[in-house]
Amino acid sequence: MITTILFDFGDIFINLEKEASKKAFEQLGLYNSNPELLEKNELFEKGKISENEFLNTFLNYIPHCSKQEIKDAWNVVIGEFPLYRLEFLQMLSQKYRLFLLTNTDEIHIAYFEESVGMSFYTDFYRCFEKVFYSYEMGMRKPQPEIYKAILNQYDLKPQNVLFVDDKKENTDAASELGIHIWNLQVG
């Protein structure tokens, strides 16, 4: 019996505007991602490098830009958070233990909170027993350790947990631990 739901954040509750982000970086002169930027993103999402070090990596490829321009382009990916999703979540929180687990970084979270306002993000966070950010945990999905840490910390039995995420590699990793999954397709 499902008693607990573990949710992802991006493209589950908040819409991600991946194409808009790509276009924003193209306008700054960065036309393709590369292995170094991908590696630094992963390290930043694990809290292993500072915001400054992360932004400096972009400056290697678009040196004419300011760090603020890079942050602005980085945050274009954060889209709308429809109110009906919050209302649905509030309803679920009356029946289930809810947790949020997201691969993210401090730049995106600060932007999200600023853009939706304190009242909205407070209502959102209140729905969860705990919010887990990869950059605070030092690991990210789909590493099995991130799921195990949550299960152990809250004494959750995998067979009683449903994990909802839009990325198949994340739901596959959770499923291997015996967690029920819903690989939600965007749209």
N, C-alpha and C. Protein backbone atom coordinates (compact mmCIF):
# COMPACT_ATOMS: atom_id res chain seq x y z
N MET A 1 0.84 -1.18 0.00
CA MET A 1 0.00 0.00 0.00
C MET A 1 0.89 1.25 0.00
N ILE A 2 0.60 2.17 -0.88
CA ILE A 2 1.36 3.42 -0.97
C ILE A 2 0.94 4.34 0.17
N THR A 3 1.92 4.74 0.97
CA THR A 3 1.67 5.69 2.06
C THR A 3 2.47 6.97 1.89
N THR A 4 3.46 6.91 0.99
CA THR A 4 4.39 8.02 0.81
C THR A 4 4.60 8.27 -0.67
N ILE A 5 4.65 9.56 -1.04
CA ILE A 5 4.94 9.92 -2.43
C ILE A 5 6.16 10.83 -2.43
N LEU A 6 7.13 10.46 -3.22
CA LEU A 6 8.36 11.22 -3.41
C LEU A 6 8.28 11.83 -4.81
N PHE A 7 8.31 13.16 -4.86
CA PHE A 7 8.15 13.86 -6.13
C PHE A 7 9.46 14.51 -6.57
N ASP A 8 9.66 14.53 -7.89
CA ASP A 8 10.62 15.41 -8.52
C ASP A 8 9.96 16.79 -8.59
N PHE A 9 10.71 17.80 -9.01
CA PHE A 9 10.19 19.16 -9.06
C PHE A 9 10.00 19.65 -10.50
N GLY A 10 11.10 19.68 -11.27
CA GLY A 10 11.06 20.22 -12.62
C GLY A 10 10.26 19.35 -13.57
N ASP A 11 9.34 19.97 -14.28
CA ASP A 11 8.42 19.33 -15.22
C ASP A 11 7.44 18.38 -14.53
N ILE A 12 7.41 18.42 -13.21
CA ILE A 12 6.36 17.76 -12.44
C ILE A 12 5.45 18.84 -11.88
N PHE A 13 6.04 19.80 -11.17
CA PHE A 13 5.27 20.93 -10.64
C PHE A 13 5.54 22.22 -11.41
N ILE A 14 6.80 22.51 -11.63
CA ILE A 14 7.16 23.73 -12.34
C ILE A 14 7.56 23.36 -13.77
N ASN A 15 7.05 24.11 -14.72
CA ASN A 15 7.39 23.84 -16.12
C ASN A 15 8.82 24.27 -16.39
N LEU A 16 9.53 23.45 -17.13
CA LEU A 16 10.89 23.79 -17.54
C LEU A 16 10.87 24.23 -19.00
N GLU A 17 11.52 25.34 -19.25
CA GLU A 17 11.56 25.94 -20.60
C GLU A 17 12.95 25.71 -21.19
N LYS A 18 13.23 24.47 -21.55
CA LYS A 18 14.58 24.09 -22.01
C LYS A 18 14.98 24.79 -23.31
N GLU A 19 14.05 24.93 -24.23
CA GLU A 19 14.36 25.60 -25.50
C GLU A 19 14.63 27.09 -25.28
N ALA A 20 13.89 27.70 -24.38
CA ALA A 20 14.09 29.13 -24.09
C ALA A 20 15.47 29.34 -23.48
N SER A 21 15.89 28.41 -22.63
CA SER A 21 17.22 28.51 -22.02
C SER A 21 18.31 28.38 -23.09
N LYS A 22 18.12 27.43 -23.99
CA LYS A 22 19.08 27.23 -25.08
C LYS A 22 19.20 28.51 -25.91
N LYS A 23 18.06 29.13 -26.23
CA LYS A 23 18.06 30.36 -27.03
C LYS A 23 18.72 31.51 -26.27
N ALA A 24 18.50 31.57 -24.97
CA ALA A 24 19.11 32.64 -24.17
C ALA A 24 20.63 32.54 -24.20
N PHE A 25 21.14 31.32 -24.12
CA PHE A 25 22.60 31.16 -24.19
C PHE A 25 23.12 31.42 -25.60
N GLU A 26 22.36 31.07 -26.61
CA GLU A 26 22.77 31.36 -27.98
C GLU A 26 22.87 32.87 -28.19
N GLN A 27 21.97 33.63 -27.60
CA GLN A 27 22.03 35.09 -27.70
C GLN A 27 23.28 35.65 -27.03
N LEU A 28 23.81 34.90 -26.06
CA LEU A 28 25.07 35.32 -25.40
C LEU A 28 26.29 34.83 -26.17
N GLY A 29 26.07 33.96 -27.17
CA GLY A 29 27.19 33.46 -27.98
C GLY A 29 27.60 32.04 -27.66
N LEU A 30 26.86 31.34 -26.82
CA LEU A 30 27.16 29.95 -26.50
C LEU A 30 26.14 29.08 -27.23
N TYR A 31 26.63 28.36 -28.26
CA TYR A 31 25.72 27.64 -29.13
C TYR A 31 25.57 26.17 -28.80
N ASN A 32 26.47 25.62 -28.07
CA ASN A 32 26.38 24.21 -27.71
C ASN A 32 26.93 24.00 -26.31
N SER A 33 26.35 23.04 -25.63
CA SER A 33 26.93 22.63 -24.36
C SER A 33 28.19 21.82 -24.69
N ASN A 34 28.97 21.55 -23.70
CA ASN A 34 30.18 20.76 -23.94
C ASN A 34 30.49 19.95 -22.69
N PRO A 35 31.40 19.00 -22.77
CA PRO A 35 31.67 18.14 -21.62
C PRO A 35 32.06 18.90 -20.36
N GLU A 36 32.83 19.97 -20.49
CA GLU A 36 33.23 20.72 -19.30
C GLU A 36 32.04 21.37 -18.61
N LEU A 37 31.16 21.99 -19.39
CA LEU A 37 29.98 22.62 -18.81
C LEU A 37 29.05 21.59 -18.18
N LEU A 38 28.88 20.45 -18.83
CA LEU A 38 28.04 19.39 -18.27
C LEU A 38 28.62 18.85 -16.97
N GLU A 39 29.93 18.68 -16.93
CA GLU A 39 30.60 18.20 -15.72
C GLU A 39 30.44 19.22 -14.58
N LYS A 40 30.65 20.49 -14.88
CA LYS A 40 30.52 21.53 -13.86
C LYS A 40 29.07 21.65 -13.37
N ASN A 41 28.12 21.47 -14.28
CA ASN A 41 26.72 21.48 -13.87
C ASN A 41 26.44 20.37 -12.86
N GLU A 42 26.93 19.18 -13.17
CA GLU A 42 26.72 18.06 -12.26
C GLU A 42 27.38 18.32 -10.90
N LEU A 43 28.59 18.86 -10.92
CA LEU A 43 29.27 19.17 -9.66
C LEU A 43 28.53 20.26 -8.88
N PHE A 44 27.99 21.25 -9.59
CA PHE A 44 27.25 22.33 -8.95
C PHE A 44 25.95 21.78 -8.34
N GLU A 45 25.28 20.88 -9.06
CA GLU A 45 24.06 20.28 -8.54
C GLU A 45 24.33 19.37 -7.34
N LYS A 46 25.55 18.93 -7.19
CA LYS A 46 25.93 18.13 -6.02
C LYS A 46 26.51 18.99 -4.90
N GLY A 47 26.59 20.30 -5.13
CA GLY A 47 27.15 21.18 -4.13
C GLY A 47 28.66 21.04 -3.96
N LYS A 48 29.32 20.51 -4.98
CA LYS A 48 30.76 20.24 -4.92
C LYS A 48 31.60 21.42 -5.38
N ILE A 49 30.98 22.38 -6.08
CA ILE A 49 31.68 23.60 -6.47
C ILE A 49 30.79 24.79 -6.13
N SER A 50 31.41 25.93 -6.02
CA SER A 50 30.68 27.15 -5.67
C SER A 50 29.96 27.74 -6.88
N GLU A 51 29.05 28.62 -6.59
CA GLU A 51 28.35 29.35 -7.65
C GLU A 51 29.36 30.11 -8.50
N ASN A 52 30.32 30.72 -7.87
CA ASN A 52 31.34 31.49 -8.57
C ASN A 52 32.14 30.61 -9.53
N GLU A 53 32.56 29.44 -9.07
CA GLU A 53 33.31 28.53 -9.93
C GLU A 53 32.45 28.06 -11.10
N PHE A 54 31.20 27.79 -10.84
CA PHE A 54 30.27 27.36 -11.89
C PHE A 54 30.14 28.45 -12.96
N LEU A 55 29.88 29.68 -12.52
CA LEU A 55 29.70 30.79 -13.47
C LEU A 55 30.99 31.10 -14.22
N ASN A 56 32.12 30.97 -13.56
CA ASN A 56 33.41 31.21 -14.22
C ASN A 56 33.66 30.25 -15.37
N THR A 57 33.12 29.03 -15.28
CA THR A 57 33.26 28.07 -16.37
C THR A 57 32.61 28.61 -17.64
N PHE A 58 31.44 29.23 -17.49
CA PHE A 58 30.78 29.83 -18.65
C PHE A 58 31.62 30.96 -19.24
N LEU A 59 32.28 31.71 -18.37
CA LEU A 59 33.10 32.83 -18.84
C LEU A 59 34.25 32.37 -19.73
N ASN A 60 34.66 31.12 -19.58
CA ASN A 60 35.69 30.57 -20.47
C ASN A 60 35.19 30.51 -21.92
N TYR A 61 33.89 30.40 -22.11
CA TYR A 61 33.30 30.23 -23.44
C TYR A 61 32.61 31.49 -23.95
N ILE A 62 32.14 32.32 -23.03
CA ILE A 62 31.49 33.58 -23.40
C ILE A 62 32.07 34.69 -22.49
N PRO A 63 33.35 35.03 -22.72
CA PRO A 63 34.06 35.94 -21.83
C PRO A 63 33.54 37.38 -21.83
N HIS A 64 32.79 37.76 -22.84
CA HIS A 64 32.27 39.12 -22.92
C HIS A 64 31.04 39.33 -22.03
N CYS A 65 30.53 38.26 -21.44
CA CYS A 65 29.30 38.33 -20.64
C CYS A 65 29.62 38.60 -19.17
N SER A 66 28.65 39.16 -18.49
CA SER A 66 28.76 39.32 -17.04
C SER A 66 28.19 38.07 -16.37
N LYS A 67 28.55 37.88 -15.13
CA LYS A 67 27.98 36.75 -14.39
C LYS A 67 26.47 36.89 -14.26
N GLN A 68 25.99 38.10 -14.14
CA GLN A 68 24.54 38.30 -14.04
C GLN A 68 23.85 37.90 -15.33
N GLU A 69 24.44 38.20 -16.47
CA GLU A 69 23.85 37.78 -17.75
C GLU A 69 23.80 36.26 -17.84
N ILE A 70 24.83 35.61 -17.36
CA ILE A 70 24.87 34.15 -17.37
C ILE A 70 23.78 33.59 -16.44
N LYS A 71 23.67 34.17 -15.25
CA LYS A 71 22.63 33.72 -14.31
C LYS A 71 21.24 33.93 -14.91
N ASP A 72 21.04 35.06 -15.56
CA ASP A 72 19.74 35.33 -16.17
C ASP A 72 19.41 34.28 -17.24
N ALA A 73 20.39 33.97 -18.08
CA ALA A 73 20.18 32.95 -19.11
C ALA A 73 19.97 31.58 -18.48
N TRP A 74 20.70 31.30 -17.42
CA TRP A 74 20.58 30.02 -16.71
C TRP A 74 19.17 29.86 -16.14
N ASN A 75 18.60 30.94 -15.65
CA ASN A 75 17.29 30.88 -14.99
C ASN A 75 16.11 30.92 -15.95
N VAL A 76 16.35 31.18 -17.23
CA VAL A 76 15.25 31.20 -18.21
C VAL A 76 14.54 29.84 -18.24
N VAL A 77 15.24 28.79 -17.88
CA VAL A 77 14.65 27.45 -17.88
C VAL A 77 13.49 27.33 -16.89
N ILE A 78 13.47 28.14 -15.85
CA ILE A 78 12.43 28.07 -14.83
C ILE A 78 11.16 28.73 -15.37
N GLY A 79 10.16 27.91 -15.60
CA GLY A 79 8.91 28.40 -16.19
C GLY A 79 7.81 28.58 -15.16
N GLU A 80 6.61 28.44 -15.63
CA GLU A 80 5.41 28.67 -14.82
C GLU A 80 5.17 27.51 -13.85
N PHE A 81 4.60 27.83 -12.71
CA PHE A 81 4.14 26.85 -11.72
C PHE A 81 2.64 27.07 -11.60
N PRO A 82 1.83 26.30 -12.34
CA PRO A 82 0.38 26.51 -12.32
C PRO A 82 -0.22 26.28 -10.92
N LEU A 83 -1.12 27.15 -10.53
CA LEU A 83 -1.74 27.09 -9.22
C LEU A 83 -2.47 25.76 -8.99
N TYR A 84 -3.08 25.21 -10.03
CA TYR A 84 -3.82 23.96 -9.84
C TYR A 84 -2.91 22.82 -9.36
N ARG A 85 -1.64 22.87 -9.71
CA ARG A 85 -0.72 21.84 -9.25
C ARG A 85 -0.47 21.97 -7.75
N LEU A 86 -0.35 23.20 -7.28
CA LEU A 86 -0.19 23.41 -5.84
C LEU A 86 -1.45 22.95 -5.10
N GLU A 87 -2.61 23.27 -5.63
CA GLU A 87 -3.86 22.87 -5.00
C GLU A 87 -3.99 21.35 -4.96
N PHE A 88 -3.59 20.67 -6.03
CA PHE A 88 -3.60 19.21 -6.06
C PHE A 88 -2.65 18.65 -5.01
N LEU A 89 -1.48 19.24 -4.92
CA LEU A 89 -0.49 18.81 -3.94
C LEU A 89 -1.00 19.01 -2.51
N GLN A 90 -1.65 20.12 -2.25
CA GLN A 90 -2.21 20.37 -0.92
C GLN A 90 -3.25 19.31 -0.57
N MET A 91 -4.03 18.89 -1.55
CA MET A 91 -5.01 17.83 -1.31
C MET A 91 -4.30 16.51 -1.00
N LEU A 92 -3.28 16.17 -1.77
CA LEU A 92 -2.53 14.94 -1.53
C LEU A 92 -1.87 14.93 -0.15
N SER A 93 -1.42 16.09 0.31
CA SER A 93 -0.71 16.16 1.59
C SER A 93 -1.61 15.80 2.77
N GLN A 94 -2.91 15.79 2.55
CA GLN A 94 -3.85 15.39 3.60
C GLN A 94 -3.94 13.87 3.73
N LYS A 95 -3.47 13.15 2.70
CA LYS A 95 -3.64 11.69 2.66
C LYS A 95 -2.32 10.91 2.68
N TYR A 96 -1.23 11.56 2.27
CA TYR A 96 0.04 10.86 2.11
C TYR A 96 1.18 11.64 2.77
N ARG A 97 2.23 10.92 3.11
CA ARG A 97 3.49 11.58 3.47
C ARG A 97 4.13 12.00 2.15
N LEU A 98 4.50 13.26 2.04
CA LEU A 98 5.07 13.77 0.79
C LEU A 98 6.49 14.27 1.01
N PHE A 99 7.34 13.98 0.03
CA PHE A 99 8.71 14.45 0.02
C PHE A 99 9.02 14.97 -1.39
N LEU A 100 9.92 15.93 -1.46
CA LEU A 100 10.37 16.46 -2.75
C LEU A 100 11.85 16.14 -2.88
N LEU A 101 12.24 15.61 -4.03
CA LEU A 101 13.64 15.31 -4.32
C LEU A 101 13.96 15.84 -5.71
N THR A 102 14.87 16.81 -5.76
CA THR A 102 15.16 17.42 -7.05
C THR A 102 16.65 17.64 -7.25
N ASN A 103 17.10 17.36 -8.47
CA ASN A 103 18.45 17.73 -8.88
C ASN A 103 18.39 19.21 -9.24
N THR A 104 19.04 20.02 -8.44
CA THR A 104 18.99 21.45 -8.70
C THR A 104 20.19 22.13 -8.07
N ASP A 105 20.22 23.44 -8.21
CA ASP A 105 21.32 24.22 -7.65
C ASP A 105 20.75 25.44 -6.95
N GLU A 106 21.61 26.12 -6.21
CA GLU A 106 21.17 27.27 -5.42
C GLU A 106 20.72 28.45 -6.27
N ILE A 107 21.24 28.59 -7.48
CA ILE A 107 20.82 29.68 -8.37
C ILE A 107 19.35 29.48 -8.77
N HIS A 108 19.02 28.27 -9.18
CA HIS A 108 17.65 28.00 -9.60
C HIS A 108 16.66 28.12 -8.44
N ILE A 109 17.03 27.62 -7.27
CA ILE A 109 16.10 27.68 -6.14
C ILE A 109 15.88 29.13 -5.72
N ALA A 110 16.92 29.92 -5.66
CA ALA A 110 16.77 31.34 -5.30
C ALA A 110 15.87 32.05 -6.31
N TYR A 111 16.06 31.75 -7.58
CA TYR A 111 15.24 32.37 -8.63
C TYR A 111 13.78 31.93 -8.51
N PHE A 112 13.56 30.64 -8.31
CA PHE A 112 12.20 30.12 -8.14
C PHE A 112 11.50 30.84 -7.00
N GLU A 113 12.16 30.91 -5.85
CA GLU A 113 11.54 31.52 -4.68
C GLU A 113 11.24 33.00 -4.92
N GLU A 114 12.17 33.69 -5.57
CA GLU A 114 11.96 35.11 -5.86
C GLU A 114 10.80 35.30 -6.85
N SER A 115 10.74 34.45 -7.86
CA SER A 115 9.73 34.64 -8.91
C SER A 115 8.32 34.30 -8.46
N VAL A 116 8.15 33.30 -7.58
CA VAL A 116 6.78 32.95 -7.15
C VAL A 116 6.37 33.69 -5.88
N GLY A 117 7.32 34.19 -5.13
CA GLY A 117 7.01 34.93 -3.91
C GLY A 117 6.91 34.04 -2.69
N MET A 118 7.11 34.67 -1.53
CA MET A 118 7.20 33.92 -0.28
C MET A 118 5.90 33.17 0.06
N SER A 119 4.78 33.77 -0.16
CA SER A 119 3.50 33.13 0.17
C SER A 119 3.33 31.83 -0.62
N PHE A 120 3.61 31.89 -1.93
CA PHE A 120 3.44 30.70 -2.78
C PHE A 120 4.45 29.62 -2.41
N TYR A 121 5.74 29.97 -2.32
CA TYR A 121 6.73 28.92 -2.06
C TYR A 121 6.58 28.36 -0.65
N THR A 122 6.12 29.17 0.30
CA THR A 122 5.88 28.67 1.65
C THR A 122 4.74 27.65 1.63
N ASP A 123 3.66 27.97 0.92
CA ASP A 123 2.55 27.02 0.79
C ASP A 123 3.01 25.73 0.10
N PHE A 124 3.87 25.87 -0.90
CA PHE A 124 4.40 24.70 -1.61
C PHE A 124 5.25 23.84 -0.68
N TYR A 125 6.23 24.44 -0.02
CA TYR A 125 7.12 23.68 0.86
C TYR A 125 6.37 23.04 2.02
N ARG A 126 5.31 23.68 2.51
CA ARG A 126 4.52 23.14 3.62
C ARG A 126 3.87 21.80 3.28
N CYS A 127 3.69 21.53 2.02
CA CYS A 127 3.06 20.27 1.61
C CYS A 127 3.96 19.07 1.90
N PHE A 128 5.25 19.31 2.04
CA PHE A 128 6.22 18.22 2.16
C PHE A 128 6.74 18.07 3.58
N GLU A 129 6.94 16.83 3.94
CA GLU A 129 7.59 16.55 5.22
C GLU A 129 9.04 17.02 5.17
N LYS A 130 9.65 16.88 4.00
CA LYS A 130 11.02 17.34 3.81
C LYS A 130 11.25 17.60 2.32
N VAL A 131 12.01 18.65 2.03
CA VAL A 131 12.43 18.97 0.67
C VAL A 131 13.92 18.65 0.57
N PHE A 132 14.27 17.83 -0.40
CA PHE A 132 15.65 17.41 -0.62
C PHE A 132 16.18 18.02 -1.91
N TYR A 133 17.21 18.85 -1.76
CA TYR A 133 17.91 19.42 -2.92
C TYR A 133 19.22 18.67 -3.10
N SER A 134 19.51 18.29 -4.33
CA SER A 134 20.75 17.55 -4.60
C SER A 134 21.98 18.33 -4.13
N TYR A 135 21.98 19.65 -4.30
CA TYR A 135 23.16 20.43 -3.93
C TYR A 135 23.39 20.45 -2.42
N GLU A 136 22.35 20.19 -1.64
CA GLU A 136 22.53 20.08 -0.19
C GLU A 136 22.89 18.66 0.24
N MET A 137 22.48 17.68 -0.55
CA MET A 137 22.73 16.28 -0.20
C MET A 137 24.09 15.79 -0.67
N GLY A 138 24.71 16.50 -1.62
CA GLY A 138 26.01 16.08 -2.13
C GLY A 138 25.94 14.93 -3.11
N MET A 139 24.76 14.65 -3.61
CA MET A 139 24.55 13.59 -4.60
C MET A 139 23.31 13.95 -5.40
N ARG A 140 23.14 13.24 -6.51
CA ARG A 140 21.99 13.55 -7.36
C ARG A 140 21.41 12.28 -7.96
N LYS A 141 20.16 12.41 -8.39
CA LYS A 141 19.52 11.29 -9.09
C LYS A 141 20.27 11.08 -10.40
N PRO A 142 20.43 9.90 -10.87
CA PRO A 142 19.85 8.63 -10.44
C PRO A 142 20.73 7.81 -9.49
N GLN A 143 21.67 8.41 -8.80
CA GLN A 143 22.51 7.63 -7.88
C GLN A 143 21.63 6.92 -6.85
N PRO A 144 21.76 5.60 -6.72
CA PRO A 144 20.93 4.87 -5.76
C PRO A 144 21.07 5.39 -4.32
N GLU A 145 22.24 5.92 -3.99
CA GLU A 145 22.49 6.40 -2.63
C GLU A 145 21.54 7.52 -2.22
N ILE A 146 21.09 8.32 -3.17
CA ILE A 146 20.21 9.43 -2.82
C ILE A 146 18.84 8.92 -2.37
N TYR A 147 18.36 7.88 -3.03
CA TYR A 147 17.09 7.28 -2.63
C TYR A 147 17.23 6.55 -1.30
N LYS A 148 18.33 5.81 -1.16
CA LYS A 148 18.58 5.07 0.08
C LYS A 148 18.68 6.01 1.27
N ALA A 149 19.31 7.16 1.08
CA ALA A 149 19.44 8.12 2.18
C ALA A 149 18.07 8.58 2.68
N ILE A 150 17.16 8.84 1.76
CA ILE A 150 15.82 9.28 2.15
C ILE A 150 15.06 8.14 2.82
N LEU A 151 15.12 6.96 2.23
CA LEU A 151 14.44 5.80 2.82
C LEU A 151 14.93 5.57 4.25
N ASN A 152 16.24 5.60 4.43
CA ASN A 152 16.81 5.34 5.75
C ASN A 152 16.51 6.45 6.75
N GLN A 153 16.64 7.68 6.33
CA GLN A 153 16.44 8.82 7.23
C GLN A 153 15.01 8.88 7.77
N TYR A 154 14.05 8.47 6.95
CA TYR A 154 12.65 8.56 7.35
C TYR A 154 12.00 7.20 7.57
N ASP A 155 12.84 6.15 7.65
CA ASP A 155 12.38 4.79 7.91
C ASP A 155 11.23 4.40 6.97
N LEU A 156 11.45 4.64 5.69
CA LEU A 156 10.44 4.35 4.68
C LEU A 156 10.71 2.99 4.06
N LYS A 157 9.67 2.23 3.84
CA LYS A 157 9.78 0.94 3.17
C LYS A 157 9.54 1.18 1.68
N PRO A 158 10.45 0.72 0.83
CA PRO A 158 10.33 0.97 -0.61
C PRO A 158 8.97 0.58 -1.19
N GLN A 159 8.43 -0.53 -0.70
CA GLN A 159 7.15 -1.01 -1.23
C GLN A 159 5.98 -0.09 -0.89
N ASN A 160 6.18 0.86 0.02
CA ASN A 160 5.13 1.81 0.40
C ASN A 160 5.33 3.19 -0.22
N VAL A 161 6.36 3.32 -1.08
CA VAL A 161 6.71 4.62 -1.64
C VAL A 161 6.46 4.63 -3.15
N LEU A 162 5.86 5.73 -3.61
CA LEU A 162 5.71 5.99 -5.04
C LEU A 162 6.62 7.16 -5.39
N PHE A 163 7.45 7.00 -6.39
CA PHE A 163 8.34 8.06 -6.85
C PHE A 163 7.86 8.54 -8.22
N VAL A 164 7.63 9.85 -8.34
CA VAL A 164 7.14 10.46 -9.58
C VAL A 164 8.23 11.36 -10.14
N ASP A 165 8.69 11.06 -11.35
CA ASP A 165 9.77 11.82 -11.99
C ASP A 165 9.56 11.75 -13.49
N ASP A 166 10.04 12.77 -14.21
CA ASP A 166 9.88 12.79 -15.66
C ASP A 166 11.04 12.12 -16.39
N LYS A 167 12.12 11.79 -15.70
CA LYS A 167 13.28 11.18 -16.36
C LYS A 167 13.33 9.68 -16.07
N LYS A 168 13.34 8.91 -17.14
CA LYS A 168 13.31 7.46 -17.02
C LYS A 168 14.49 6.90 -16.24
N GLU A 169 15.69 7.46 -16.43
CA GLU A 169 16.84 6.94 -15.69
C GLU A 169 16.67 7.11 -14.18
N ASN A 170 15.94 8.15 -13.77
CA ASN A 170 15.69 8.36 -12.34
C ASN A 170 14.67 7.37 -11.80
N THR A 171 13.59 7.15 -12.56
CA THR A 171 12.60 6.19 -12.09
C THR A 171 13.14 4.76 -12.16
N ASP A 172 13.95 4.46 -13.17
CA ASP A 172 14.56 3.12 -13.26
C ASP A 172 15.43 2.83 -12.03
N ALA A 173 16.22 3.81 -11.61
CA ALA A 173 17.10 3.62 -10.44
C ALA A 173 16.28 3.40 -9.18
N ALA A 174 15.20 4.14 -9.02
CA ALA A 174 14.33 3.97 -7.85
C ALA A 174 13.64 2.62 -7.89
N SER A 175 13.21 2.21 -9.06
CA SER A 175 12.53 0.92 -9.22
C SER A 175 13.43 -0.24 -8.81
N GLU A 176 14.71 -0.14 -9.12
CA GLU A 176 15.66 -1.20 -8.75
C GLU A 176 15.77 -1.37 -7.24
N LEU A 177 15.36 -0.36 -6.48
CA LEU A 177 15.37 -0.45 -5.02
C LEU A 177 14.03 -0.92 -4.47
N GLY A 178 13.09 -1.22 -5.35
CA GLY A 178 11.79 -1.70 -4.92
C GLY A 178 10.76 -0.60 -4.73
N ILE A 179 11.10 0.62 -5.12
CA ILE A 179 10.18 1.76 -5.01
C ILE A 179 9.22 1.72 -6.20
N HIS A 180 7.95 1.95 -5.95
CA HIS A 180 6.98 2.07 -7.04
C HIS A 180 7.29 3.36 -7.79
N ILE A 181 7.06 3.35 -9.09
CA ILE A 181 7.43 4.52 -9.89
C ILE A 181 6.31 4.94 -10.83
N TRP A 182 6.35 6.21 -11.17
CA TRP A 182 5.51 6.76 -12.23
C TRP A 182 6.43 7.68 -13.02
N ASN A 183 6.79 7.24 -14.22
CA ASN A 183 7.61 8.06 -15.11
C ASN A 183 6.66 8.97 -15.87
N LEU A 184 6.40 10.14 -15.30
CA LEU A 184 5.44 11.08 -15.85
C LEU A 184 5.99 11.71 -17.13
N GLN A 185 5.23 11.64 -18.18
CA GLN A 185 5.64 12.23 -19.44
C GLN A 185 5.22 13.69 -19.48
N VAL A 186 6.14 14.55 -19.82
CA VAL A 186 5.88 15.98 -19.87
C VAL A 186 4.75 16.26 -20.85
N GLY A 187 3.78 17.04 -20.41
CA GLY A 187 2.65 17.40 -21.25
C GLY A 187 1.49 16.44 -21.10
